[in-house]
Amino acid sequence: AARRGIDNSLPPELLEVVTKTAVRLEKVRALLDKP
C-alpha cells in the first residue's frame, strides 16, 4: 500500500472488529508462547 500509494486506513466502524481479532490473536500468541 505504501509503495503504490493505496490508502489502507482503517474505517472507524471496523475498530471494534480488529480489536476483537487482536484479542483472539493474543490467545494464539499465548498458546505459542512466542511473539
ModelCIF file with pLDDT and N, C-alpha, C, O atoms, coordinates in Angstrom:
data_MODEL
#
_entry.id   MODEL 
#
_entity.id                         1 
_entity.type                       polymer 
_entity.pdbx_number_of_molecules   1 
#
_entity_poly.entity_id                      1 
_entity_poly.type                           'polypeptide(L)' 
_entity_poly.nstd_linkage                   no 
_entity_poly.nstd_monomer                   no 
_entity_poly.pdbx_seq_one_letter_code       AARRGIDNSLPPELLEVVTKTAVRLEKVRALLDKP 
_entity_poly.pdbx_seq_one_letter_code_can   AARRGIDNSLPPELLEVVTKTAVRLEKVRALLDKP 
_entity_poly.pdbx_strand_id                 A 
#
loop_
_entity_poly_seq.entity_id 
_entity_poly_seq.num 
_entity_poly_seq.mon_id 
_entity_poly_seq.hetero 
1 1  ALA n 
1 2  ALA n 
1 3  ARG n 
1 4  ARG n 
1 5  GLY n 
1 6  ILE n 
1 7  ASP n 
1 8  ASN n 
1 9  SER n 
1 10 LEU n 
1 11 PRO n 
1 12 PRO n 
1 13 GLU n 
1 14 LEU n 
1 15 LEU n 
1 16 GLU n 
1 17 VAL n 
1 18 VAL n 
1 19 THR n 
1 20 LYS n 
1 21 THR n 
1 22 ALA n 
1 23 VAL n 
1 24 ARG n 
1 25 LEU n 
1 26 GLU n 
1 27 LYS n 
1 28 VAL n 
1 29 ARG n 
1 30 ALA n 
1 31 LEU n 
1 32 LEU n 
1 33 ASP n 
1 34 LYS n 
1 35 PRO n 
#
_struct_asym.id          A 
_struct_asym.entity_id   1 
#
loop_
_ma_qa_metric.id 
_ma_qa_metric.mode 
_ma_qa_metric.name 
_ma_qa_metric.software_group_id 
_ma_qa_metric.type 
1 global pLDDT . pLDDT 
2 local  pLDDT . pLDDT 
#
_ma_qa_metric_global.metric_id      1 
_ma_qa_metric_global.metric_value   97.51 
_ma_qa_metric_global.model_id       1 
_ma_qa_metric_global.ordinal_id     1 
#
loop_
_ma_qa_metric_local.label_asym_id 
_ma_qa_metric_local.label_comp_id 
_ma_qa_metric_local.label_seq_id 
_ma_qa_metric_local.metric_id 
_ma_qa_metric_local.metric_value 
_ma_qa_metric_local.model_id 
_ma_qa_metric_local.ordinal_id 
A ALA 1  2 97.00 1 1  
A ALA 2  2 96.00 1 2  
A ARG 3  2 96.00 1 3  
A ARG 4  2 97.00 1 4  
A GLY 5  2 97.00 1 5  
A ILE 6  2 98.00 1 6  
A ASP 7  2 97.00 1 7  
A ASN 8  2 98.00 1 8  
A SER 9  2 97.00 1 9  
A LEU 10 2 98.00 1 10 
A PRO 11 2 98.00 1 11 
A PRO 12 2 98.00 1 12 
A GLU 13 2 97.00 1 13 
A LEU 14 2 98.00 1 14 
A LEU 15 2 98.00 1 15 
A GLU 16 2 97.00 1 16 
A VAL 17 2 97.00 1 17 
A VAL 18 2 98.00 1 18 
A THR 19 2 98.00 1 19 
A LYS 20 2 97.00 1 20 
A THR 21 2 98.00 1 21 
A ALA 22 2 98.00 1 22 
A VAL 23 2 97.00 1 23 
A ARG 24 2 97.00 1 24 
A LEU 25 2 98.00 1 25 
A GLU 26 2 98.00 1 26 
A LYS 27 2 98.00 1 27 
A VAL 28 2 98.00 1 28 
A ARG 29 2 98.00 1 29 
A ALA 30 2 98.00 1 30 
A LEU 31 2 98.00 1 31 
A LEU 32 2 98.00 1 32 
A ASP 33 2 98.00 1 33 
A LYS 34 2 97.00 1 34 
A PRO 35 2 97.00 1 35 
#
loop_
_atom_site.group_PDB 
_atom_site.id 
_atom_site.type_symbol 
_atom_site.label_atom_id 
_atom_site.label_alt_id 
_atom_site.label_comp_id 
_atom_site.label_asym_id 
_atom_site.label_entity_id 
_atom_site.label_seq_id 
_atom_site.pdbx_PDB_ins_code 
_atom_site.Cartn_x 
_atom_site.Cartn_y 
_atom_site.Cartn_z 
_atom_site.occupancy 
_atom_site.B_iso_or_equiv 
_atom_site.pdbx_formal_charge 
_atom_site.auth_seq_id 
_atom_site.auth_comp_id 
_atom_site.auth_asym_id 
_atom_site.auth_atom_id 
_atom_site.pdbx_PDB_model_num 
ATOM 1   N N  . ALA A 1 1  ? 0.841   -1.203  0.000  1.00 97.00 ? 1  ALA A N  1 
ATOM 2   C CA . ALA A 1 1  ? 0.000   0.000   0.000  1.00 97.00 ? 1  ALA A CA 1 
ATOM 3   C C  . ALA A 1 1  ? 0.875   1.252   0.000  1.00 97.00 ? 1  ALA A C  1 
ATOM 4   O O  . ALA A 1 1  ? 0.599   2.203   -0.731 1.00 97.00 ? 1  ALA A O  1 
ATOM 5   N N  . ALA A 1 2  ? 1.917   1.253   0.808  1.00 96.00 ? 2  ALA A N  1 
ATOM 6   C CA . ALA A 1 2  ? 2.809   2.416   0.870  1.00 96.00 ? 2  ALA A CA 1 
ATOM 7   C C  . ALA A 1 2  ? 3.503   2.647   -0.472 1.00 96.00 ? 2  ALA A C  1 
ATOM 8   O O  . ALA A 1 2  ? 3.581   3.780   -0.946 1.00 96.00 ? 2  ALA A O  1 
ATOM 9   N N  . ARG A 1 3  ? 4.007   1.572   -1.083 1.00 96.00 ? 3  ARG A N  1 
ATOM 10  C CA . ARG A 1 3  ? 4.710   1.704   -2.375 1.00 96.00 ? 3  ARG A CA 1 
ATOM 11  C C  . ARG A 1 3  ? 3.791   2.167   -3.493 1.00 96.00 ? 3  ARG A C  1 
ATOM 12  O O  . ARG A 1 3  ? 4.196   2.933   -4.368 1.00 96.00 ? 3  ARG A O  1 
ATOM 13  N N  . ARG A 1 4  ? 2.545   1.691   -3.457 1.00 97.00 ? 4  ARG A N  1 
ATOM 14  C CA . ARG A 1 4  ? 1.622   2.009   -4.554 1.00 97.00 ? 4  ARG A CA 1 
ATOM 15  C C  . ARG A 1 4  ? 0.711   3.200   -4.257 1.00 97.00 ? 4  ARG A C  1 
ATOM 16  O O  . ARG A 1 4  ? -0.136  3.557   -5.076 1.00 97.00 ? 4  ARG A O  1 
ATOM 17  N N  . GLY A 1 5  ? 0.884   3.805   -3.100 1.00 97.00 ? 5  GLY A N  1 
ATOM 18  C CA . GLY A 1 5  ? 0.071   4.968   -2.746 1.00 97.00 ? 5  GLY A CA 1 
ATOM 19  C C  . GLY A 1 5  ? -1.389  4.624   -2.484 1.00 97.00 ? 5  GLY A C  1 
ATOM 20  O O  . GLY A 1 5  ? -2.276  5.437   -2.745 1.00 97.00 ? 5  GLY A O  1 
ATOM 21  N N  . ILE A 1 6  ? -1.640  3.426   -1.971 1.00 98.00 ? 6  ILE A N  1 
ATOM 22  C CA . ILE A 1 6  ? -3.007  2.982   -1.667 1.00 98.00 ? 6  ILE A CA 1 
ATOM 23  C C  . ILE A 1 6  ? -3.323  3.311   -0.212 1.00 98.00 ? 6  ILE A C  1 
ATOM 24  O O  . ILE A 1 6  ? -2.558  2.972   0.691  1.00 98.00 ? 6  ILE A O  1 
ATOM 25  N N  . ASP A 1 7  ? -4.438  3.963   0.003  1.00 97.00 ? 7  ASP A N  1 
ATOM 26  C CA . ASP A 1 7  ? -4.865  4.286   1.369  1.00 97.00 ? 7  ASP A CA 1 
ATOM 27  C C  . ASP A 1 7  ? -5.338  3.006   2.053  1.00 97.00 ? 7  ASP A C  1 
ATOM 28  O O  . ASP A 1 7  ? -6.266  2.347   1.584  1.00 97.00 ? 7  ASP A O  1 
ATOM 29  N N  . ASN A 1 8  ? -4.694  2.665   3.162  1.00 98.00 ? 8  ASN A N  1 
ATOM 30  C CA . ASN A 1 8  ? -5.087  1.474   3.919  1.00 98.00 ? 8  ASN A CA 1 
ATOM 31  C C  . ASN A 1 8  ? -5.512  1.850   5.332  1.00 98.00 ? 8  ASN A C  1 
ATOM 32  O O  . ASN A 1 8  ? -5.328  1.081   6.275  1.00 98.00 ? 8  ASN A O  1 
ATOM 33  N N  . SER A 1 9  ? -6.082  3.040   5.464  1.00 97.00 ? 9  SER A N  1 
ATOM 34  C CA . SER A 1 9  ? -6.579  3.485   6.770  1.00 97.00 ? 9  SER A CA 1 
ATOM 35  C C  . SER A 1 9  ? -7.786  2.651   7.163  1.00 97.00 ? 9  SER A C  1 
ATOM 36  O O  . SER A 1 9  ? -8.603  2.269   6.325  1.00 97.00 ? 9  SER A O  1 
ATOM 37  N N  . LEU A 1 10 ? -7.877  2.379   8.453  1.00 98.00 ? 10 LEU A N  1 
ATOM 38  C CA . LEU A 1 10 ? -8.990  1.580   8.960  1.00 98.00 ? 10 LEU A CA 1 
ATOM 39  C C  . LEU A 1 10 ? -10.232 2.453   9.095  1.00 98.00 ? 10 LEU A C  1 
ATOM 40  O O  . LEU A 1 10 ? -10.173 3.495   9.748  1.00 98.00 ? 10 LEU A O  1 
ATOM 41  N N  . PRO A 1 11 ? -11.352 2.059   8.498  1.00 98.00 ? 11 PRO A N  1 
ATOM 42  C CA . PRO A 1 11 ? -12.597 2.796   8.718  1.00 98.00 ? 11 PRO A CA 1 
ATOM 43  C C  . PRO A 1 11 ? -12.992 2.692   10.198 1.00 98.00 ? 11 PRO A C  1 
ATOM 44  O O  . PRO A 1 11 ? -12.869 1.616   10.784 1.00 98.00 ? 11 PRO A O  1 
ATOM 45  N N  . PRO A 1 12 ? -13.457 3.774   10.810 1.00 98.00 ? 12 PRO A N  1 
ATOM 46  C CA . PRO A 1 12 ? -13.795 3.761   12.242 1.00 98.00 ? 12 PRO A CA 1 
ATOM 47  C C  . PRO A 1 12 ? -14.761 2.640   12.633 1.00 98.00 ? 12 PRO A C  1 
ATOM 48  O O  . PRO A 1 12 ? -14.685 2.119   13.745 1.00 98.00 ? 12 PRO A O  1 
ATOM 49  N N  . GLU A 1 13 ? -15.652 2.271   11.741 1.00 97.00 ? 13 GLU A N  1 
ATOM 50  C CA . GLU A 1 13 ? -16.637 1.232   12.074 1.00 97.00 ? 13 GLU A CA 1 
ATOM 51  C C  . GLU A 1 13 ? -16.009 -0.156  12.204 1.00 97.00 ? 13 GLU A C  1 
ATOM 52  O O  . GLU A 1 13 ? -16.663 -1.079  12.691 1.00 97.00 ? 13 GLU A O  1 
ATOM 53  N N  . LEU A 1 14 ? -14.749 -0.323  11.778 1.00 98.00 ? 14 LEU A N  1 
ATOM 54  C CA . LEU A 1 14 ? -14.084 -1.624  11.896 1.00 98.00 ? 14 LEU A CA 1 
ATOM 55  C C  . LEU A 1 14 ? -13.158 -1.712  13.113 1.00 98.00 ? 14 LEU A C  1 
ATOM 56  O O  . LEU A 1 14 ? -12.547 -2.756  13.344 1.00 98.00 ? 14 LEU A O  1 
ATOM 57  N N  . LEU A 1 15 ? -13.047 -0.635  13.890 1.00 98.00 ? 15 LEU A N  1 
ATOM 58  C CA . LEU A 1 15 ? -12.157 -0.654  15.054 1.00 98.00 ? 15 LEU A CA 1 
ATOM 59  C C  . LEU A 1 15 ? -12.551 -1.746  16.045 1.00 98.00 ? 15 LEU A C  1 
ATOM 60  O O  . LEU A 1 15 ? -11.684 -2.427  16.592 1.00 98.00 ? 15 LEU A O  1 
ATOM 61  N N  . GLU A 1 16 ? -13.840 -1.916  16.276 1.00 97.00 ? 16 GLU A N  1 
ATOM 62  C CA . GLU A 1 16 ? -14.295 -2.954  17.208 1.00 97.00 ? 16 GLU A CA 1 
ATOM 63  C C  . GLU A 1 16 ? -13.937 -4.349  16.687 1.00 97.00 ? 16 GLU A C  1 
ATOM 64  O O  . GLU A 1 16 ? -13.525 -5.214  17.459 1.00 97.00 ? 16 GLU A O  1 
ATOM 65  N N  . VAL A 1 17 ? -14.093 -4.563  15.387 1.00 97.00 ? 17 VAL A N  1 
ATOM 66  C CA . VAL A 1 17 ? -13.784 -5.869  14.792 1.00 97.00 ? 17 VAL A CA 1 
ATOM 67  C C  . VAL A 1 17 ? -12.289 -6.178  14.912 1.00 97.00 ? 17 VAL A C  1 
ATOM 68  O O  . VAL A 1 17 ? -11.921 -7.276  15.330 1.00 97.00 ? 17 VAL A O  1 
ATOM 69  N N  . VAL A 1 18 ? -11.421 -5.225  14.550 1.00 98.00 ? 18 VAL A N  1 
ATOM 70  C CA . VAL A 1 18 ? -9.982  -5.516  14.610 1.00 98.00 ? 18 VAL A CA 1 
ATOM 71  C C  . VAL A 1 18 ? -9.522  -5.671  16.057 1.00 98.00 ? 18 VAL A C  1 
ATOM 72  O O  . VAL A 1 18 ? -8.566  -6.397  16.329 1.00 98.00 ? 18 VAL A O  1 
ATOM 73  N N  . THR A 1 19 ? -10.194 -4.995  16.982 1.00 98.00 ? 19 THR A N  1 
ATOM 74  C CA . THR A 1 19 ? -9.857  -5.171  18.395 1.00 98.00 ? 19 THR A CA 1 
ATOM 75  C C  . THR A 1 19 ? -10.218 -6.585  18.847 1.00 98.00 ? 19 THR A C  1 
ATOM 76  O O  . THR A 1 19 ? -9.445  -7.216  19.569 1.00 98.00 ? 19 THR A O  1 
ATOM 77  N N  . LYS A 1 20 ? -11.380 -7.091  18.432 1.00 97.00 ? 20 LYS A N  1 
ATOM 78  C CA . LYS A 1 20 ? -11.756 -8.469  18.763 1.00 97.00 ? 20 LYS A CA 1 
ATOM 79  C C  . LYS A 1 20 ? -10.788 -9.467  18.118 1.00 97.00 ? 20 LYS A C  1 
ATOM 80  O O  . LYS A 1 20 ? -10.432 -10.479 18.722 1.00 97.00 ? 20 LYS A O  1 
ATOM 81  N N  . THR A 1 21 ? -10.373 -9.173  16.902 1.00 98.00 ? 21 THR A N  1 
ATOM 82  C CA . THR A 1 21 ? -9.402  -10.036 16.234 1.00 98.00 ? 21 THR A CA 1 
ATOM 83  C C  . THR A 1 21 ? -8.086  -10.029 17.002 1.00 98.00 ? 21 THR A C  1 
ATOM 84  O O  . THR A 1 21 ? -7.462  -11.077 17.169 1.00 98.00 ? 21 THR A O  1 
ATOM 85  N N  . ALA A 1 22 ? -7.659  -8.862  17.469 1.00 98.00 ? 22 ALA A N  1 
ATOM 86  C CA . ALA A 1 22 ? -6.421  -8.751  18.254 1.00 98.00 ? 22 ALA A CA 1 
ATOM 87  C C  . ALA A 1 22 ? -6.522  -9.542  19.556 1.00 98.00 ? 22 ALA A C  1 
ATOM 88  O O  . ALA A 1 22 ? -5.560  -10.192 19.963 1.00 98.00 ? 22 ALA A O  1 
ATOM 89  N N  . VAL A 1 23 ? -7.684  -9.489  20.209 1.00 97.00 ? 23 VAL A N  1 
ATOM 90  C CA . VAL A 1 23 ? -7.884  -10.261 21.447 1.00 97.00 ? 23 VAL A CA 1 
ATOM 91  C C  . VAL A 1 23 ? -7.754  -11.753 21.154 1.00 97.00 ? 23 VAL A C  1 
ATOM 92  O O  . VAL A 1 23 ? -7.137  -12.489 21.924 1.00 97.00 ? 23 VAL A O  1 
ATOM 93  N N  . ARG A 1 24 ? -8.328  -12.190 20.057 1.00 97.00 ? 24 ARG A N  1 
ATOM 94  C CA . ARG A 1 24 ? -8.238  -13.607 19.688 1.00 97.00 ? 24 ARG A CA 1 
ATOM 95  C C  . ARG A 1 24 ? -6.809  -13.983 19.306 1.00 97.00 ? 24 ARG A C  1 
ATOM 96  O O  . ARG A 1 24 ? -6.348  -15.083 19.614 1.00 97.00 ? 24 ARG A O  1 
ATOM 97  N N  . LEU A 1 25 ? -6.107  -13.065 18.633 1.00 98.00 ? 25 LEU A N  1 
ATOM 98  C CA . LEU A 1 25 ? -4.719  -13.321 18.262 1.00 98.00 ? 25 LEU A CA 1 
ATOM 99  C C  . LEU A 1 25 ? -3.819  -13.388 19.497 1.00 98.00 ? 25 LEU A C  1 
ATOM 100 O O  . LEU A 1 25 ? -2.807  -14.090 19.496 1.00 98.00 ? 25 LEU A O  1 
ATOM 101 N N  . GLU A 1 26 ? -4.188  -12.663 20.537 1.00 98.00 ? 26 GLU A N  1 
ATOM 102 C CA . GLU A 1 26 ? -3.446  -12.761 21.813 1.00 98.00 ? 26 GLU A CA 1 
ATOM 103 C C  . GLU A 1 26 ? -3.512  -14.192 22.355 1.00 98.00 ? 26 GLU A C  1 
ATOM 104 O O  . GLU A 1 26 ? -2.543  -14.680 22.936 1.00 98.00 ? 26 GLU A O  1 
ATOM 105 N N  . LYS A 1 27 ? -4.650  -14.861 22.166 1.00 98.00 ? 27 LYS A N  1 
ATOM 106 C CA . LYS A 1 27 ? -4.777  -16.253 22.615 1.00 98.00 ? 27 LYS A CA 1 
ATOM 107 C C  . LYS A 1 27 ? -3.836  -17.162 21.828 1.00 98.00 ? 27 LYS A C  1 
ATOM 108 O O  . LYS A 1 27 ? -3.242  -18.085 22.386 1.00 98.00 ? 27 LYS A O  1 
ATOM 109 N N  . VAL A 1 28 ? -3.704  -16.893 20.512 1.00 98.00 ? 28 VAL A N  1 
ATOM 110 C CA . VAL A 1 28 ? -2.774  -17.668 19.684 1.00 98.00 ? 28 VAL A CA 1 
ATOM 111 C C  . VAL A 1 28 ? -1.352  -17.425 20.171 1.00 98.00 ? 28 VAL A C  1 
ATOM 112 O O  . VAL A 1 28 ? -0.572  -18.366 20.321 1.00 98.00 ? 28 VAL A O  1 
ATOM 113 N N  . ARG A 1 29 ? -1.018  -16.167 20.416 1.00 98.00 ? 29 ARG A N  1 
ATOM 114 C CA . ARG A 1 29 ? 0.325   -15.814 20.887 1.00 98.00 ? 29 ARG A CA 1 
ATOM 115 C C  . ARG A 1 29 ? 0.630   -16.494 22.221 1.00 98.00 ? 29 ARG A C  1 
ATOM 116 O O  . ARG A 1 29 ? 1.725   -17.020 22.420 1.00 98.00 ? 29 ARG A O  1 
ATOM 117 N N  . ALA A 1 30 ? -0.339  -16.481 23.126 1.00 98.00 ? 30 ALA A N  1 
ATOM 118 C CA . ALA A 1 30 ? -0.142  -17.113 24.439 1.00 98.00 ? 30 ALA A CA 1 
ATOM 119 C C  . ALA A 1 30 ? 0.056   -18.619 24.289 1.00 98.00 ? 30 ALA A C  1 
ATOM 120 O O  . ALA A 1 30 ? 0.888   -19.210 24.978 1.00 98.00 ? 30 ALA A O  1 
ATOM 121 N N  . LEU A 1 31 ? -0.697  -19.229 23.403 1.00 98.00 ? 31 LEU A N  1 
ATOM 122 C CA . LEU A 1 31 ? -0.583  -20.663 23.187 1.00 98.00 ? 31 LEU A CA 1 
ATOM 123 C C  . LEU A 1 31 ? 0.782   -21.027 22.585 1.00 98.00 ? 31 LEU A C  1 
ATOM 124 O O  . LEU A 1 31 ? 1.409   -22.006 22.991 1.00 98.00 ? 31 LEU A O  1 
ATOM 125 N N  . LEU A 1 32 ? 1.226   -20.227 21.618 1.00 98.00 ? 32 LEU A N  1 
ATOM 126 C CA . LEU A 1 32 ? 2.528   -20.463 21.004 1.00 98.00 ? 32 LEU A CA 1 
ATOM 127 C C  . LEU A 1 32 ? 3.660   -20.068 21.964 1.00 98.00 ? 32 LEU A C  1 
ATOM 128 O O  . LEU A 1 32 ? 4.781   -20.566 21.860 1.00 98.00 ? 32 LEU A O  1 
ATOM 129 N N  . ASP A 1 33 ? 3.348   -19.183 22.881 1.00 98.00 ? 33 ASP A N  1 
ATOM 130 C CA . ASP A 1 33 ? 4.305   -18.688 23.879 1.00 98.00 ? 33 ASP A CA 1 
ATOM 131 C C  . ASP A 1 33 ? 5.516   -18.019 23.236 1.00 98.00 ? 33 ASP A C  1 
ATOM 132 O O  . ASP A 1 33 ? 6.632   -18.091 23.751 1.00 98.00 ? 33 ASP A O  1 
ATOM 133 N N  . LYS A 1 34 ? 5.273   -17.369 22.102 1.00 97.00 ? 34 LYS A N  1 
ATOM 134 C CA . LYS A 1 34 ? 6.325   -16.672 21.350 1.00 97.00 ? 34 LYS A CA 1 
ATOM 135 C C  . LYS A 1 34 ? 5.697   -15.462 20.657 1.00 97.00 ? 34 LYS A C  1 
ATOM 136 O O  . LYS A 1 34 ? 4.486   -15.435 20.438 1.00 97.00 ? 34 LYS A O  1 
ATOM 137 N N  . PRO A 1 35 ? 6.513   -14.459 20.309 1.00 97.00 ? 35 PRO A N  1 
ATOM 138 C CA . PRO A 1 35 ? 5.982   -13.298 19.569 1.00 97.00 ? 35 PRO A CA 1 
ATOM 139 C C  . PRO A 1 35 ? 5.474   -13.688 18.187 1.00 97.00 ? 35 PRO A C  1 
ATOM 140 O O  . PRO A 1 35 ? 4.998   -12.833 17.440 1.00 97.00 ? 35 PRO A O  1 
#
